[in-house]
Protein backbone atom coordinates (compact mmCIF):
# COMPACT_ATOMS: atom_id res chain seq x y z
CA ALA A 1 93.03 131.21 47.67
CA GLY A 2 95.99 130.85 50.21
CA ILE A 3 96.24 130.68 53.46
CA ILE A 4 95.56 133.78 55.80
CA TRP A 5 97.57 134.13 58.69
CA PRO A 6 95.78 135.43 62.33
CA GLU A 7 97.35 138.86 63.17
CA SER A 8 99.04 137.60 66.15
CA VAL A 9 101.55 134.91 63.68
CA ALA A 10 101.19 137.20 60.30
CA PRO A 11 105.02 137.59 59.12
CA PHE A 12 103.40 141.53 58.14
CA ARG A 13 101.01 143.08 59.36
CA LEU A 14 99.92 144.63 55.82
CA GLY A 15 100.65 144.26 52.71
CA LEU A 16 101.26 147.89 50.53
CA ILE A 17 100.26 147.25 46.77
CA ASN A 18 101.31 149.79 44.12
CA LEU A 19 99.11 148.73 40.93
CA ARG A 20 101.35 151.37 38.91
CA PRO A 21 105.25 152.00 40.08
CA ALA A 22 105.64 153.49 36.54
CA ASP A 23 103.38 156.26 37.89
CA ASP A 24 105.05 159.17 39.54
CA LYS A 25 101.91 159.96 41.59
CA CYS A 26 101.55 156.16 42.64
CA ARG A 27 104.79 155.63 43.86
CA THR A 28 105.32 159.00 45.61
CA ALA A 29 102.05 158.27 46.85
CA ALA A 30 103.46 154.62 47.96
CA ASP A 31 106.45 155.55 49.40
CA ASP A 32 104.88 158.38 52.05
CA LEU A 33 102.54 155.38 53.32
CA TYR A 34 105.14 152.78 53.57
CA GLY A 35 107.14 155.47 55.48
CA LYS A 36 104.49 156.68 57.54
CA LEU A 37 103.43 153.11 58.59
CA ARG A 38 106.89 152.47 59.29
CA GLY A 39 107.55 155.71 61.66
CA ALA A 40 104.67 154.27 63.40
CA GLY A 41 105.68 151.24 63.70
CA VAL A 42 104.03 148.55 61.34
CA GLU A 43 105.57 145.70 59.79
CA VAL A 44 104.73 146.28 55.83
CA LEU A 45 105.37 144.10 53.34
CA TYR A 46 106.19 146.17 49.93
CA ASP A 47 105.02 145.49 46.90
CA ASP A 48 106.41 147.65 44.09
CA ARG A 49 107.25 144.93 41.61
CA ASP A 50 107.02 146.26 37.44
CA GLU A 51 104.03 143.23 37.64
CA SER A 52 100.48 143.22 36.17
CA PRO A 53 97.85 144.18 38.94
CA GLY A 54 96.75 140.35 39.04
CA ALA A 55 100.67 138.40 39.87
CA LYS A 56 100.98 141.20 42.92
CA PHE A 57 97.44 140.29 44.28
CA ALA A 58 98.60 136.39 43.92
CA ALA A 59 101.44 137.34 45.52
CA MET A 60 100.04 138.70 48.44
CA ASP A 61 97.17 136.25 48.70
CA LEU A 62 99.80 133.47 48.84
CA ILE A 63 101.47 134.84 51.45
CA GLY A 64 98.82 134.86 53.29
CA LEU A 65 98.87 138.66 55.31
CA PRO A 66 95.67 139.40 56.47
CA ASP A 67 95.09 143.27 55.25
CA GLN A 68 96.37 144.73 52.06
CA LEU A 69 96.95 148.38 50.81
CA ILE A 70 96.18 148.86 47.21
CA ILE A 71 97.27 152.35 45.98
CA GLY A 72 96.69 153.18 42.31
CA PRO A 73 95.72 156.07 40.08
CA ARG A 74 92.06 155.77 40.17
CA GLY A 75 91.86 156.11 44.19
CA LEU A 76 93.93 158.22 44.24
CA ALA A 77 92.44 160.73 42.41
CA GLY A 78 89.86 161.06 45.60
CA GLY A 79 92.91 161.61 48.27
CA ASN A 80 92.46 157.50 49.11
CA ILE A 81 93.63 154.36 49.00
CA GLU A 82 91.87 151.03 49.22
CA TRP A 83 92.50 148.72 52.44
CA LYS A 84 91.06 144.65 51.64
CA GLN A 85 90.34 142.64 54.67
CA ARG A 86 91.00 139.17 53.44
CA ARG A 87 89.21 137.21 56.10
CA SER A 88 85.65 139.02 55.51
CA GLY A 89 86.20 140.13 51.95
CA ALA A 90 85.47 143.77 52.89
CA ARG A 91 86.89 146.51 50.71
CA GLN A 92 86.70 149.66 52.27
CA ASP A 93 88.27 153.79 50.59
CA LEU A 94 89.93 155.56 53.18
CA PRO A 95 92.36 158.30 53.42
CA ILE A 96 95.80 158.00 53.53
CA ASP A 97 96.33 159.41 57.11
CA THR A 98 93.14 157.18 58.66
CA VAL A 99 94.66 154.30 57.33
CA VAL A 100 98.01 155.09 59.28
CA ALA A 101 96.32 156.18 62.41
CA ARG A 102 93.88 152.88 62.07
CA PHE A 103 96.82 150.51 62.21
CA ALA A 104 99.43 152.38 64.71
CA ALA A 105 96.49 152.39 67.09
CA ARG A 106 96.69 148.61 67.11
CA PRO A 107 100.45 147.23 65.37
CA LEU A 108 101.45 143.72 65.62
CA SER A 109 103.25 142.60 68.39
CA ARG A 110 105.43 140.31 68.09
CA THR A 111 106.18 139.31 71.25
CA ALA A 112 103.99 136.50 70.76
CA GLY A 113 104.38 136.67 67.12
CA GLU A 114 108.32 136.24 66.93
CA GLY A 115 109.08 134.73 69.95
CA GLY A 116 112.71 133.43 70.41
CA ALA A 117 115.28 133.90 73.16
CA HIS A 118 114.31 136.81 74.69
CA ALA A 119 116.53 138.35 77.71
CA GLY A 120 113.76 138.06 79.65
CA GLY A 121 113.01 134.33 78.54
CA VAL A 122 109.10 134.44 78.69
CA VAL A 123 108.90 133.17 75.80
CA ILE A 124 111.28 130.34 73.55
CA PHE A 125 109.08 129.82 70.37
CA GLY A 126 106.71 132.22 69.17
CA ALA A 127 103.44 131.56 67.96
CA PHE A 128 104.15 132.34 64.51
CA GLU A 129 107.41 129.48 64.92
CA ARG A 130 104.67 126.91 66.59
CA MET A 131 102.07 127.13 64.08
CA VAL A 132 104.55 126.38 60.95
CA ALA A 133 106.33 123.87 63.21
CA PHE A 134 102.76 122.04 63.75
CA ARG A 135 102.20 123.02 60.12
CA TYR A 136 105.38 121.13 58.86
CA LEU A 137 104.34 117.79 61.04
CA ARG A 138 100.92 117.59 59.26
CA ALA A 139 102.41 116.54 55.89
CA ARG A 140 100.17 116.63 52.67
CA ARG A 141 99.78 113.71 50.65
CA GLN A 142 102.72 114.43 48.49
CA GLU A 143 104.94 114.23 51.89
CA GLY A 144 103.72 111.24 52.92
CA PHE A 145 107.09 109.27 53.54
CA VAL A 146 108.29 111.94 55.75
CA SER A 147 104.80 111.49 58.03
CA VAL A 148 105.96 108.26 58.15
CA ILE A 149 109.50 108.82 59.12
CA ALA A 150 108.16 111.05 62.12
CA ILE A 151 105.46 108.62 63.64
CA PHE A 152 107.59 105.47 63.43
CA SER A 153 110.44 108.23 65.50
CA LEU A 154 107.42 109.01 67.64
CA LEU A 155 106.57 105.39 68.59
CA GLY A 156 110.25 104.11 68.67
CA ILE A 157 110.77 106.95 71.34
CA ALA A 158 107.77 105.79 73.17
CA LEU A 159 108.59 102.20 72.85
CA GLY A 160 112.22 103.10 74.63
CA VAL A 161 110.85 105.07 77.55
CA ALA A 162 107.99 102.76 78.21
CA THR A 163 110.68 99.45 78.23
CA LEU A 164 113.05 101.29 80.00
CA ILE A 165 110.61 102.45 82.66
CA ILE A 166 109.42 98.75 82.78
CA VAL A 167 112.27 96.79 83.13
CA MET A 168 114.23 99.21 85.17
CA SER A 169 110.94 99.07 87.69
CA VAL A 170 111.00 95.14 87.28
CA MET A 171 114.60 94.69 88.24
CA ASN A 172 114.14 97.15 91.41
CA GLY A 173 110.98 95.10 93.01
CA PHE A 174 113.02 91.81 92.14
CA ARG A 175 116.18 93.63 93.80
CA ALA A 176 113.76 94.77 96.65
CA ASP A 177 111.54 92.06 97.03
CA LEU A 178 114.78 89.63 97.21
CA ILE A 179 116.61 91.15 99.99
CA GLY A 180 113.64 91.95 101.66
CA ARG A 181 112.53 87.89 101.36
CA ILE A 182 116.38 87.03 102.58
CA LEU A 183 116.53 89.50 105.27
CA GLY A 184 113.13 88.21 106.89
CA LEU A 185 114.22 84.94 106.80
CA ASN A 186 118.00 85.04 107.26
CA GLY A 187 118.49 88.45 109.35
CA HIS A 188 121.06 90.83 109.05
CA LEU A 189 124.32 89.66 111.10
CA GLY A 190 125.45 85.44 111.68
CA VAL A 191 127.37 85.27 114.70
CA TYR A 192 129.19 81.77 114.04
CA GLY A 193 131.74 79.94 116.65
CA GLU A 194 135.21 79.97 115.67
CA ALA A 195 134.98 76.34 115.84
CA GLY A 196 132.02 75.78 114.11
CA MET A 197 129.51 75.72 116.43
CA LEU A 198 128.25 78.08 118.69
CA THR A 199 128.27 77.34 122.45
CA ASP A 200 127.02 78.63 125.67
CA PHE A 201 124.97 81.10 123.17
CA ASP A 202 122.16 82.40 125.42
CA ALA A 203 124.83 84.13 127.41
CA VAL A 204 126.58 85.21 124.44
CA ALA A 205 122.70 85.83 122.76
CA ALA A 206 121.93 87.99 125.75
CA LYS A 207 125.37 89.92 125.26
CA VAL A 208 125.01 91.09 122.11
CA ARG A 209 121.12 91.93 122.60
CA GLN A 210 122.77 94.91 124.72
CA VAL A 211 124.85 96.34 121.81
CA PRO A 212 122.43 99.65 120.60
CA GLY A 213 121.03 99.01 117.36
CA VAL A 214 120.47 95.07 117.60
CA VAL A 215 116.41 94.44 117.60
CA SER A 216 117.22 90.63 118.22
CA ALA A 217 119.33 87.94 118.14
CA THR A 218 117.97 83.97 117.69
CA PRO A 219 119.87 80.96 118.45
CA MET A 220 119.88 78.42 115.18
CA ILE A 221 120.22 75.15 113.73
CA GLU A 222 120.34 74.41 109.93
CA GLY A 223 121.72 71.14 108.51
CA GLN A 224 120.24 69.00 105.53
CA VAL A 225 117.92 66.33 105.67
CA MET A 226 115.98 63.92 103.39
CA ALA A 227 112.10 64.53 103.71
CA THR A 228 109.79 61.63 103.07
CA GLY A 229 106.01 62.05 103.05
CA GLU A 230 103.52 58.95 103.99
CA SER A 231 103.16 58.21 100.05
CA GLY A 232 106.71 57.66 100.08
CA ALA A 233 107.75 60.71 97.96
CA ALA A 234 111.16 62.35 99.14
CA SER A 235 112.96 65.73 98.82
CA GLY A 236 115.76 67.48 99.61
CA ALA A 237 115.46 69.88 102.35
CA ILE A 238 117.00 72.09 104.47
CA VAL A 239 116.24 71.62 108.39
CA ARG A 240 116.09 75.17 110.53
CA GLY A 241 115.72 74.73 114.43
CA ILE A 242 114.42 77.78 116.26
CA ARG A 243 112.59 78.52 119.82
CA PRO A 244 108.88 78.41 119.04
CA ASP A 245 108.75 82.00 120.45
CA ASP A 246 111.37 83.44 117.87
CA LEU A 247 109.83 81.87 115.14
CA ARG A 248 106.28 83.55 115.90
CA ASN A 249 108.36 86.70 115.75
CA ARG A 250 109.35 86.14 112.68
CA ALA A 251 106.61 88.37 110.38
CA LEU A 252 107.59 86.74 107.19
CA ILE A 253 106.84 83.29 107.75
CA ALA A 254 103.99 84.50 110.55
CA ASP A 255 102.07 86.89 108.13
CA HIS A 256 102.35 84.11 104.87
CA ILE A 257 100.74 80.80 107.18
CA VAL A 258 98.60 79.28 104.40
CA GLY A 259 97.68 76.09 106.49
CA GLY A 260 97.42 75.13 110.18
CA SER A 261 98.78 77.28 112.76
CA LEU A 262 102.27 78.64 114.65
CA ALA A 263 100.87 77.52 117.84
CA GLU A 264 100.90 73.97 117.18
CA PHE A 265 104.72 74.76 116.38
CA GLY A 266 106.66 72.79 119.26
CA ASP A 267 107.57 69.45 120.46
CA ASP A 268 107.02 67.17 117.34
CA GLY A 269 105.21 70.04 115.60
CA VAL A 270 107.62 70.92 112.54
CA ALA A 271 106.20 73.87 109.52
CA LEU A 272 106.37 73.33 106.60
CA GLY A 273 107.09 75.30 102.87
CA GLU A 274 103.74 74.58 101.04
CA ARG A 275 105.43 73.74 98.00
CA LEU A 276 107.93 71.01 99.96
CA ALA A 277 104.50 69.93 101.68
CA ARG A 278 102.97 69.33 98.23
CA ARG A 279 105.78 67.42 97.02
CA LEU A 280 106.09 65.17 99.76
CA GLY A 281 102.04 65.04 99.19
CA VAL A 282 101.10 66.05 103.58
CA GLY A 283 99.53 67.73 105.18
CA VAL A 284 98.64 69.57 107.85
CA GLY A 285 98.50 66.40 110.67
CA ALA A 286 100.24 64.40 108.15
CA PRO A 287 103.37 62.74 109.57
CA VAL A 288 106.70 63.79 107.99
CA THR A 289 109.73 61.92 108.23
CA LEU A 290 113.21 63.76 108.18
CA ILE A 291 117.03 61.60 107.24
CA SER A 292 119.76 63.20 108.48
CA PRO A 293 123.24 62.30 105.44
CA GLN A 294 125.37 61.51 109.49
CA GLY A 295 123.98 58.36 110.36
CA THR A 296 124.29 56.86 113.78
CA ASP A 297 127.34 54.38 114.06
CA THR A 298 126.43 50.46 115.60
CA ALA A 299 128.39 46.95 115.61
CA PHE A 300 126.09 46.25 112.41
CA GLY A 301 127.26 49.97 110.61
CA THR A 302 126.47 53.46 110.40
CA MET A 303 122.59 52.84 110.51
CA PRO A 304 120.53 56.43 109.60
CA ARG A 305 119.39 58.82 111.82
CA LEU A 306 115.94 59.87 111.44
CA LYS A 307 112.66 60.76 112.93
CA THR A 308 108.95 61.53 112.47
CA TYR A 309 107.18 65.05 112.83
CA ARG A 310 103.51 65.74 112.72
CA VAL A 311 103.41 68.84 110.42
CA ALA A 312 102.03 71.69 112.01
CA ALA A 313 101.84 74.24 109.79
CA LEU A 314 102.55 75.28 106.38
CA PHE A 315 103.85 78.38 104.71
CA ASN A 316 104.12 80.61 101.38
CA VAL A 317 106.74 83.42 101.46
CA GLY A 318 106.37 83.50 98.08
CA PHE A 319 109.96 82.85 97.40
CA TYR A 320 110.76 79.98 95.53
CA GLU A 321 113.83 78.41 97.45
CA TYR A 322 112.46 78.59 100.97
CA ASP A 323 108.56 77.70 100.26
CA ASN A 324 110.34 74.22 98.08
CA SER A 325 113.14 73.19 100.73
CA PHE A 326 112.25 74.74 104.05
CA VAL A 327 111.79 72.56 107.25
CA TYR A 328 111.38 74.45 110.61
CA VAL A 329 112.10 72.28 113.54
CA PRO A 330 111.76 73.70 117.21
CA LEU A 331 115.43 74.25 119.03
CA ALA A 332 114.79 71.44 121.20
CA ALA A 333 114.32 68.84 119.19
CA ALA A 334 117.07 70.13 116.00
CA GLN A 335 119.62 69.70 119.05
CA VAL A 336 118.26 65.68 119.64
CA PHE A 337 118.26 65.18 116.24
CA PHE A 338 121.74 66.88 115.13
CA ARG A 339 123.15 65.47 118.49
CA LEU A 340 123.85 69.02 119.56
CA PRO A 341 122.79 69.17 123.19
CA ASP A 342 124.81 72.37 124.20
CA ALA A 343 125.43 74.63 120.91
CA VAL A 344 124.22 75.74 118.05
CA SER A 345 124.82 76.92 114.73
CA ASP A 346 124.57 80.45 114.47
CA LEU A 347 122.89 83.54 116.24
CA GLU A 348 120.85 85.41 114.08
CA VAL A 349 121.25 89.12 114.54
CA PHE A 350 118.66 91.30 113.73
CA VAL A 351 119.53 95.37 113.54
CA ALA A 352 117.45 98.25 113.54
CA ASP A 353 119.27 99.43 110.16
CA ALA A 354 119.80 96.68 107.29
CA ASP A 355 122.05 99.56 105.82
CA ARG A 356 124.08 100.11 108.78
CA ALA A 357 124.76 95.52 109.31
CA ASN A 358 128.34 96.08 108.98
CA GLN A 359 129.15 98.78 111.56
CA GLU A 360 126.80 97.07 113.70
CA GLY A 361 128.81 94.08 113.30
CA GLN A 362 132.40 95.62 114.34
CA ALA A 363 130.12 96.97 117.41
CA ILE A 364 129.15 93.31 118.44
CA ALA A 365 132.52 91.55 117.97
CA ALA A 366 134.02 94.02 120.22
CA ALA A 367 131.36 93.43 122.53
CA LEU A 368 132.19 89.96 122.70
CA GLY A 369 135.68 89.97 122.63
CA GLY A 370 136.43 89.10 118.73
CA HIS A 371 136.00 84.91 119.88
CA VAL A 372 133.32 84.80 117.73
CA ARG A 373 132.84 84.75 113.56
CA ILE A 374 130.47 87.68 112.24
CA VAL A 375 129.34 87.52 108.69
CA ASP A 376 126.67 90.89 107.99
CA TRP A 377 123.93 89.95 105.11
CA GLN A 378 126.22 91.92 102.27
CA HIS A 379 129.18 89.60 102.40
CA ALA A 380 126.74 86.36 102.89
CA ASN A 381 124.43 87.25 99.54
CA SER A 382 126.99 89.01 97.51
CA SER A 383 127.05 87.24 94.59
CA ILE A 384 123.18 87.10 93.93
CA VAL A 385 123.01 91.71 95.34
CA SER A 386 125.58 91.88 92.25
CA ALA A 387 124.74 89.89 89.39
CA VAL A 388 121.13 91.50 90.12
CA GLU A 389 122.88 95.34 90.23
CA ILE A 390 125.15 94.06 86.94
CA GLU A 391 122.07 92.56 85.26
CA ARG A 392 119.80 95.77 85.68
CA ASN A 393 122.75 98.16 84.55
CA VAL A 394 123.16 95.92 81.63
CA MET A 395 119.92 95.87 80.66
CA PHE A 396 119.58 99.57 80.89
CA LEU A 397 122.85 100.50 78.06
CA ILE A 398 121.45 98.31 76.21
CA LEU A 399 117.32 99.26 76.20
CA THR A 400 119.19 102.49 75.99
CA LEU A 401 119.86 101.94 72.38
CA ILE A 402 116.18 102.02 71.32
CA ILE A 403 115.40 105.56 72.24
CA LEU A 404 118.65 106.30 70.28
CA VAL A 405 117.94 104.46 66.95
CA ALA A 406 114.47 106.82 67.33
CA ALA A 407 116.88 109.48 68.00
CA PHE A 408 118.38 108.76 64.21
CA ASN A 409 114.92 108.46 62.59
CA ILE A 410 114.46 112.17 64.21
CA ILE A 411 117.58 113.22 62.67
CA SER A 412 117.07 112.09 59.08
CA GLY A 413 113.21 112.92 59.32
CA MET A 414 114.06 115.98 59.70
CA ILE A 415 117.32 116.22 57.25
CA MET A 416 114.28 115.07 54.74
CA MET A 417 111.75 117.55 55.57
CA VAL A 418 114.64 120.34 55.38
CA LYS A 419 115.07 119.15 52.02
CA ASP A 420 111.18 119.00 50.77
CA LYS A 421 110.85 122.29 52.42
CA GLY A 422 113.36 124.51 51.42
CA ARG A 423 110.76 126.53 48.80
CA ASP A 424 109.27 127.35 51.83
CA ILE A 425 112.52 128.56 54.19
CA ALA A 426 113.18 130.04 51.02
CA ILE A 427 110.03 132.47 51.36
CA LEU A 428 109.58 133.22 54.63
CA ARG A 429 113.57 134.41 54.52
CA THR A 430 112.41 136.48 51.85
CA MET A 431 109.53 137.90 54.09
CA GLY A 432 111.85 138.91 57.15
CA ALA A 433 111.66 135.74 59.14
CA SER A 434 115.60 135.64 60.47
CA ARG A 435 117.73 132.42 60.97
CA GLY A 436 116.80 132.33 63.84
CA MET A 437 113.19 131.81 63.58
CA ILE A 438 113.93 129.38 60.66
CA LEU A 439 116.16 126.99 63.33
CA ARG A 440 113.49 127.33 66.44
CA ILE A 441 110.53 126.28 63.83
CA PHE A 442 112.09 123.19 63.09
CA MET A 443 114.16 122.55 66.71
CA LEU A 444 110.10 122.77 67.82
CA SER A 445 109.21 120.30 64.71
CA GLY A 446 111.90 117.48 66.07
CA ALA A 447 111.52 118.56 69.52
CA SER A 448 107.59 117.89 69.68
CA ILE A 449 108.05 114.40 68.31
CA GLY A 450 110.34 113.44 71.14
CA ILE A 451 108.16 115.59 73.62
CA VAL A 452 104.68 113.66 72.66
CA GLY A 453 106.83 110.05 72.15
CA THR A 454 108.14 111.03 76.04
CA VAL A 455 105.60 111.97 77.49
CA ALA A 456 103.09 108.89 76.07
CA GLY A 457 106.22 106.13 76.59
CA PHE A 458 106.50 107.61 80.61
CA ALA A 459 102.01 107.03 80.47
CA LEU A 460 102.53 103.82 78.95
CA GLY A 461 105.20 102.24 81.08
CA VAL A 462 103.76 103.54 84.55
CA ALA A 463 100.68 101.60 83.36
CA PHE A 464 102.17 98.50 82.18
CA THR A 465 104.25 98.37 85.57
CA GLU A 466 101.10 99.23 87.88
CA ASN A 467 99.19 96.25 86.18
CA ILE A 468 102.25 93.95 85.31
CA GLU A 469 101.24 91.05 87.60
CA PRO A 470 97.01 91.29 85.94
CA ILE A 471 99.22 91.61 82.20
CA ARG A 472 101.18 88.99 82.91
CA GLN A 473 98.14 86.53 84.17
CA PHE A 474 96.38 87.37 81.21
CA VAL A 475 98.98 86.72 78.67
CA GLN A 476 99.52 83.70 80.25
CA GLY A 477 96.02 82.32 80.31
CA VAL A 478 95.89 83.25 76.10
CA LEU A 479 99.22 81.60 74.83
CA GLY A 480 98.70 78.97 77.86
CA VAL A 481 102.66 79.66 78.50
CA ASN A 482 103.95 79.77 81.94
CA LEU A 483 105.91 82.98 81.57
CA PHE A 484 107.20 84.05 84.61
CA SER A 485 108.72 80.33 86.01
CA ALA A 486 109.36 79.90 89.92
CA GLU A 487 111.74 77.60 89.71
CA ILE A 488 113.47 79.68 87.98
CA TYR A 489 113.03 83.43 89.22
CA PHE A 490 112.66 82.93 92.72
CA PHE A 491 109.16 84.61 92.80
CA THR A 492 105.63 83.38 92.45
CA ARG A 493 104.63 87.12 91.21
CA ILE A 494 106.12 89.64 88.58
CA PRO A 495 107.56 92.12 91.17
CA ALA A 496 107.74 95.72 90.63
CA HIS A 497 108.89 99.02 91.95
CA ILE A 498 108.78 102.32 90.47
CA GLN A 499 111.60 104.64 91.73
CA THR A 500 110.95 108.01 90.83
CA VAL A 501 114.52 108.85 90.36
CA ASP A 502 115.38 106.14 87.83
CA VAL A 503 112.05 107.72 85.86
CA ALA A 504 113.25 110.89 85.92
CA THR A 505 116.59 109.97 84.29
CA VAL A 506 114.77 108.04 81.43
CA VAL A 507 112.64 110.83 80.84
CA ILE A 508 115.32 113.67 80.72
CA MET A 509 117.23 111.18 78.73
CA ALA A 510 114.62 110.86 76.46
CA LEU A 511 114.41 114.55 75.98
CA ALA A 512 117.97 115.48 76.06
CA LEU A 513 118.47 112.80 73.08
CA SER A 514 115.48 113.84 71.21
CA PHE A 515 117.29 118.04 71.18
CA LEU A 516 120.05 116.83 69.95
CA ALA A 517 118.79 115.15 67.42
CA THR A 518 116.98 118.07 66.06
CA LEU A 519 120.25 120.68 66.35
CA TYR A 520 122.18 119.86 63.19
CA PRO A 521 118.64 119.18 60.58
CA SER A 522 117.63 122.97 62.10
CA TRP A 523 121.08 124.38 61.72
CA ARG A 524 120.93 123.13 57.91
CA ALA A 525 117.72 124.79 57.41
CA ALA A 526 118.85 128.19 59.34
CA ARG A 527 122.03 128.18 56.87
CA LEU A 528 119.81 127.74 53.43
CA ASP A 529 120.27 130.19 50.99
CA PRO A 530 116.85 131.88 49.70
CA VAL A 531 118.26 132.59 46.70
CA GLU A 532 119.14 128.52 46.24
CA GLY A 533 115.58 128.08 47.91
CA LEU A 534 113.72 129.86 44.87
CA ARG A 535 116.57 129.33 41.91
CA TYR A 536 114.25 126.65 39.91
CA GLU A 537 111.14 128.03 41.50
């Protein structure tokens, strides 16, 4: 029975069939009706071939026009023609003038039917083009392979977009958390003495605090020791001497106390990283002994310098290096232990804007007269920050290849579709479809794969990123494998931070590649010669 086009997308409004083209009366009436309809703006497919009536009806049914006008000797004898409505099957004899008036009153609108690139730009793809394009995406049984390629192209783009969003978000989160923890514990600037140790540090700190933009300046002592617990377990550790009030003002430490209290920090009370305490086998209130590699010279030789302290608090900031190796000791006790009664290692300076640390450092140097050495956090951690940034860019380039491969799949699938639909293209061209319409039909078919794949990948990537830690824990529990070792990645959880700019870049890139992938196959389809397409039919 063929298809029946909706009026809004039918390639022609009417089909006009001359049953007896050899009959002068029929030919004259048909030509006259065709001219009147065309003059009234009605688009008509006129069939006056010297074929049997059955062949003409079959051709009109195959094309799928919703209304047909039939001119034959029997109807003309009464001054009428037959109007056949294919959707309802109704037939009606009408005078010629009535037919013209009826269809001229409701001509087919081509603003929605043909679409295309209007000057107004309201409709890019017309309803007719959309219908044909989406019909081509639903392959019939004999065209199953083309449909499989389209599905795999869609999945490839979706997985590529999702993977890029996930990886970029994790790299952003890793960088942000890494810098946040480094700055939260180490300060934005370090002020060092020219000879190594910084003397008269309280006066220097007072001058630094007067510099605009400086939030705090904290005297610090740092040194390496061997820490041991009651059980005899030992581990290397880093001692940081700091005044109790200054430590309590360190939000990253104060907000992550998991045992004891910083109120007990002072005198012989120290704060340990939770992982270090676990390795030493000590808890809150237990003694811990620190042994300095710089011993004390005696008549019997060099004796190791050691001191036993009481564990006042345990912290877990989520950064493996700090939780596994840091010991905070009161500044006065650290000065005694390291034999620095009137000096400190450096001043840790926090500024209002970490990104302006270099400029603030220059202002501090000018205020101190240049007799100090100042290192900002970018230089102190340049290797780590650069490594993360390089890895992020490399991962972006590598994972972009997934989307590129999917785009090539779209090209191959579209070329196969064009070859498979050669007969359909030829029929559409003979029915009056322009090259632009054919171009837009196949562009829309290919672009639809890219659009759906991009949207699916966007949704999958965002959803996965938002729930990446529960997913990791679930997979880790099922497989029984540690997928994110803190010893390797520094963090105890997978950090992820979605940035709108990165997501927009990935989505726009995927859509652009998908669109570009449709250009060549669509161009080939538009260039197809209708005669060649129907030569062997």
